[in-house]
Each structure stands twice: as structure tokens, then as C-alpha cells.
N, C-alpha and C. Protein backbone atom coordinates (compact mmCIF):
# COMPACT_ATOMS: atom_id res chain seq x y z
N MET A 1 -1.47 39.62 -5.97
CA MET A 1 -0.52 38.57 -6.08
C MET A 1 0.14 38.42 -4.77
N ALA A 2 0.35 37.17 -4.44
CA ALA A 2 0.99 36.88 -3.10
C ALA A 2 2.55 37.26 -3.12
N LYS A 3 2.95 37.79 -1.92
CA LYS A 3 4.42 38.07 -1.76
C LYS A 3 5.23 36.85 -1.52
N LYS A 4 6.47 36.93 -1.92
CA LYS A 4 7.34 35.84 -1.59
C LYS A 4 7.64 36.00 -0.06
N ASP A 5 7.82 34.78 0.53
CA ASP A 5 7.88 34.64 1.93
C ASP A 5 9.39 34.92 2.32
N LYS A 6 9.67 35.84 3.27
CA LYS A 6 11.09 36.22 3.50
C LYS A 6 11.77 35.34 4.42
N GLY A 7 10.97 34.56 5.22
CA GLY A 7 11.60 33.48 6.03
C GLY A 7 11.95 32.22 5.45
N ALA A 8 11.40 31.96 4.19
CA ALA A 8 11.69 30.67 3.48
C ALA A 8 12.95 30.61 2.74
N GLN A 9 13.55 29.52 2.76
CA GLN A 9 14.73 29.28 1.91
C GLN A 9 14.69 27.92 1.21
N THR A 10 15.37 27.84 0.13
CA THR A 10 15.59 26.58 -0.65
C THR A 10 16.60 25.77 0.07
N ILE A 11 16.23 24.46 0.27
CA ILE A 11 17.30 23.65 0.94
C ILE A 11 17.49 22.40 0.01
N ARG A 12 18.64 21.57 0.34
CA ARG A 12 18.80 20.32 -0.23
C ARG A 12 18.72 19.21 0.73
N LEU A 13 17.87 18.18 0.55
CA LEU A 13 17.87 17.02 1.31
C LEU A 13 18.63 15.96 0.70
N LYS A 14 19.73 15.37 1.43
CA LYS A 14 20.61 14.32 0.77
C LYS A 14 20.33 13.02 1.42
N SER A 15 20.15 11.93 0.68
CA SER A 15 19.95 10.61 1.23
C SER A 15 21.22 10.17 2.08
N THR A 16 20.81 9.34 3.05
CA THR A 16 21.92 8.75 3.90
C THR A 16 22.42 7.47 3.33
N GLU A 17 21.62 6.93 2.27
CA GLU A 17 21.93 5.61 1.75
C GLU A 17 22.68 5.71 0.39
N SER A 18 22.47 6.89 -0.29
CA SER A 18 22.98 7.01 -1.72
C SER A 18 23.30 8.45 -1.84
N GLY A 19 23.59 9.00 -3.16
CA GLY A 19 23.86 10.28 -3.33
C GLY A 19 22.61 11.08 -3.85
N HIS A 20 21.51 10.47 -3.87
CA HIS A 20 20.33 11.12 -4.38
C HIS A 20 19.88 12.36 -3.49
N MET A 21 19.32 13.37 -4.06
CA MET A 21 18.99 14.63 -3.41
C MET A 21 17.62 15.04 -3.75
N TYR A 22 16.79 15.65 -2.83
CA TYR A 22 15.65 16.38 -3.13
C TYR A 22 15.98 17.91 -2.89
N HIS A 23 15.22 18.74 -3.57
CA HIS A 23 15.15 20.19 -3.20
C HIS A 23 13.80 20.51 -2.78
N THR A 24 13.77 21.29 -1.71
CA THR A 24 12.56 21.82 -1.12
C THR A 24 12.75 23.02 -0.49
N ARG A 25 11.59 23.85 0.10
CA ARG A 25 11.75 24.89 0.75
C ARG A 25 11.35 24.68 2.23
N LYS A 26 11.94 25.52 3.11
CA LYS A 26 11.49 25.56 4.47
C LYS A 26 11.51 26.92 5.07
N ASN A 27 10.69 27.19 6.13
CA ASN A 27 10.69 28.37 6.76
C ASN A 27 11.59 28.37 7.97
N LYS A 28 12.66 29.23 7.94
CA LYS A 28 13.69 29.14 8.99
C LYS A 28 13.13 29.62 10.37
N ARG A 29 12.13 30.40 10.32
CA ARG A 29 11.47 30.96 11.66
C ARG A 29 10.75 29.77 12.34
N ASN A 30 10.04 28.89 11.52
CA ASN A 30 9.30 27.82 12.11
C ASN A 30 10.17 26.56 12.44
N HIS A 31 11.26 26.52 11.68
CA HIS A 31 12.12 25.17 11.72
C HIS A 31 13.60 25.69 11.72
N PRO A 32 14.06 26.14 12.87
CA PRO A 32 15.49 26.64 12.79
C PRO A 32 16.56 25.55 12.76
N ASN A 33 16.15 24.35 13.18
CA ASN A 33 17.22 23.22 13.07
C ASN A 33 17.14 22.57 11.72
N ARG A 34 18.14 21.73 11.52
CA ARG A 34 18.17 20.91 10.32
C ARG A 34 16.99 19.96 10.15
N MET A 35 16.64 19.65 8.90
CA MET A 35 15.39 18.96 8.78
C MET A 35 16.02 17.40 8.52
N GLU A 36 15.20 16.49 8.98
CA GLU A 36 15.31 15.04 8.73
C GLU A 36 13.98 14.60 8.27
N LEU A 37 13.88 13.99 7.11
CA LEU A 37 12.78 13.43 6.59
C LEU A 37 12.81 11.96 6.07
N THR A 38 11.94 11.15 6.16
CA THR A 38 12.02 9.81 5.53
C THR A 38 11.28 9.93 4.11
N LYS A 39 12.01 9.79 3.03
CA LYS A 39 11.43 9.89 1.78
C LYS A 39 11.91 8.70 0.92
N TYR A 40 11.35 8.43 -0.34
CA TYR A 40 11.53 7.44 -1.14
C TYR A 40 12.91 7.76 -1.97
N ASP A 41 13.81 6.81 -1.97
CA ASP A 41 15.02 6.88 -2.69
C ASP A 41 15.03 6.07 -3.88
N PRO A 42 14.84 6.54 -5.09
CA PRO A 42 14.70 5.78 -6.34
C PRO A 42 16.07 4.88 -6.62
N LEU A 43 17.13 5.25 -6.10
CA LEU A 43 18.44 4.56 -6.48
C LEU A 43 18.55 3.16 -5.69
N VAL A 44 18.00 3.17 -4.49
CA VAL A 44 17.96 1.89 -3.53
C VAL A 44 16.52 1.41 -3.54
N MET A 45 15.55 1.98 -4.16
CA MET A 45 14.21 1.52 -4.18
C MET A 45 13.52 1.24 -2.96
N LYS A 46 13.72 2.15 -1.94
CA LYS A 46 13.18 2.00 -0.61
C LYS A 46 13.05 3.44 0.09
N ARG A 47 12.31 3.53 1.16
CA ARG A 47 12.24 4.79 1.92
C ARG A 47 13.53 4.81 2.84
N VAL A 48 14.15 5.95 2.73
CA VAL A 48 15.42 6.17 3.55
C VAL A 48 15.42 7.55 4.30
N LEU A 49 16.16 7.73 5.28
CA LEU A 49 16.38 9.03 5.93
C LEU A 49 17.08 10.00 5.05
N TYR A 50 16.54 11.23 4.83
CA TYR A 50 17.10 12.37 4.15
C TYR A 50 17.40 13.43 5.16
N ARG A 51 18.60 13.98 5.07
CA ARG A 51 19.01 15.04 6.00
C ARG A 51 19.26 16.31 5.17
N GLU A 52 18.99 17.42 5.90
CA GLU A 52 19.39 18.73 5.33
C GLU A 52 20.90 18.85 5.07
N GLU A 53 21.36 19.32 4.13
CA GLU A 53 22.79 19.56 3.91
C GLU A 53 23.27 20.85 3.78
N LYS A 54 24.45 21.27 4.11
CA LYS A 54 24.87 22.59 4.03
C LYS A 54 25.05 22.96 2.59
N LYS A 55 24.79 24.22 2.37
CA LYS A 55 25.04 24.78 0.98
C LYS A 55 26.46 25.18 0.74
């Protein structure tokens, strides 16, 4: 069975247009800075910028 990755963390990506959030995992060793992704926001029905938010 595969071991759980020690460098990976669960993060929240929050929309810049609304309050919608996605939950995903990222490896802190490979991506030490905050993530910014363009994803679909179902509340405004378009693709918007999502930023990693503090826990």
C-alpha cells in the first residue's frame, strides 16, 4: 500500500469574485508559495481566479 506523502497539505482555494471555495492538496516542497488557479465558479457561472487562503 502507498504511504501518505509527508510534504502534502490540504488547502482551501477561495474565489476572488464570490465566497465559493475548493479544497485540494499541494506539496509544500514543490510549491512553497501560495497557489493561484483559474477555476469555474458556479455562483457567478464563469471562470475566475482562485487564491490559496490561510487556515
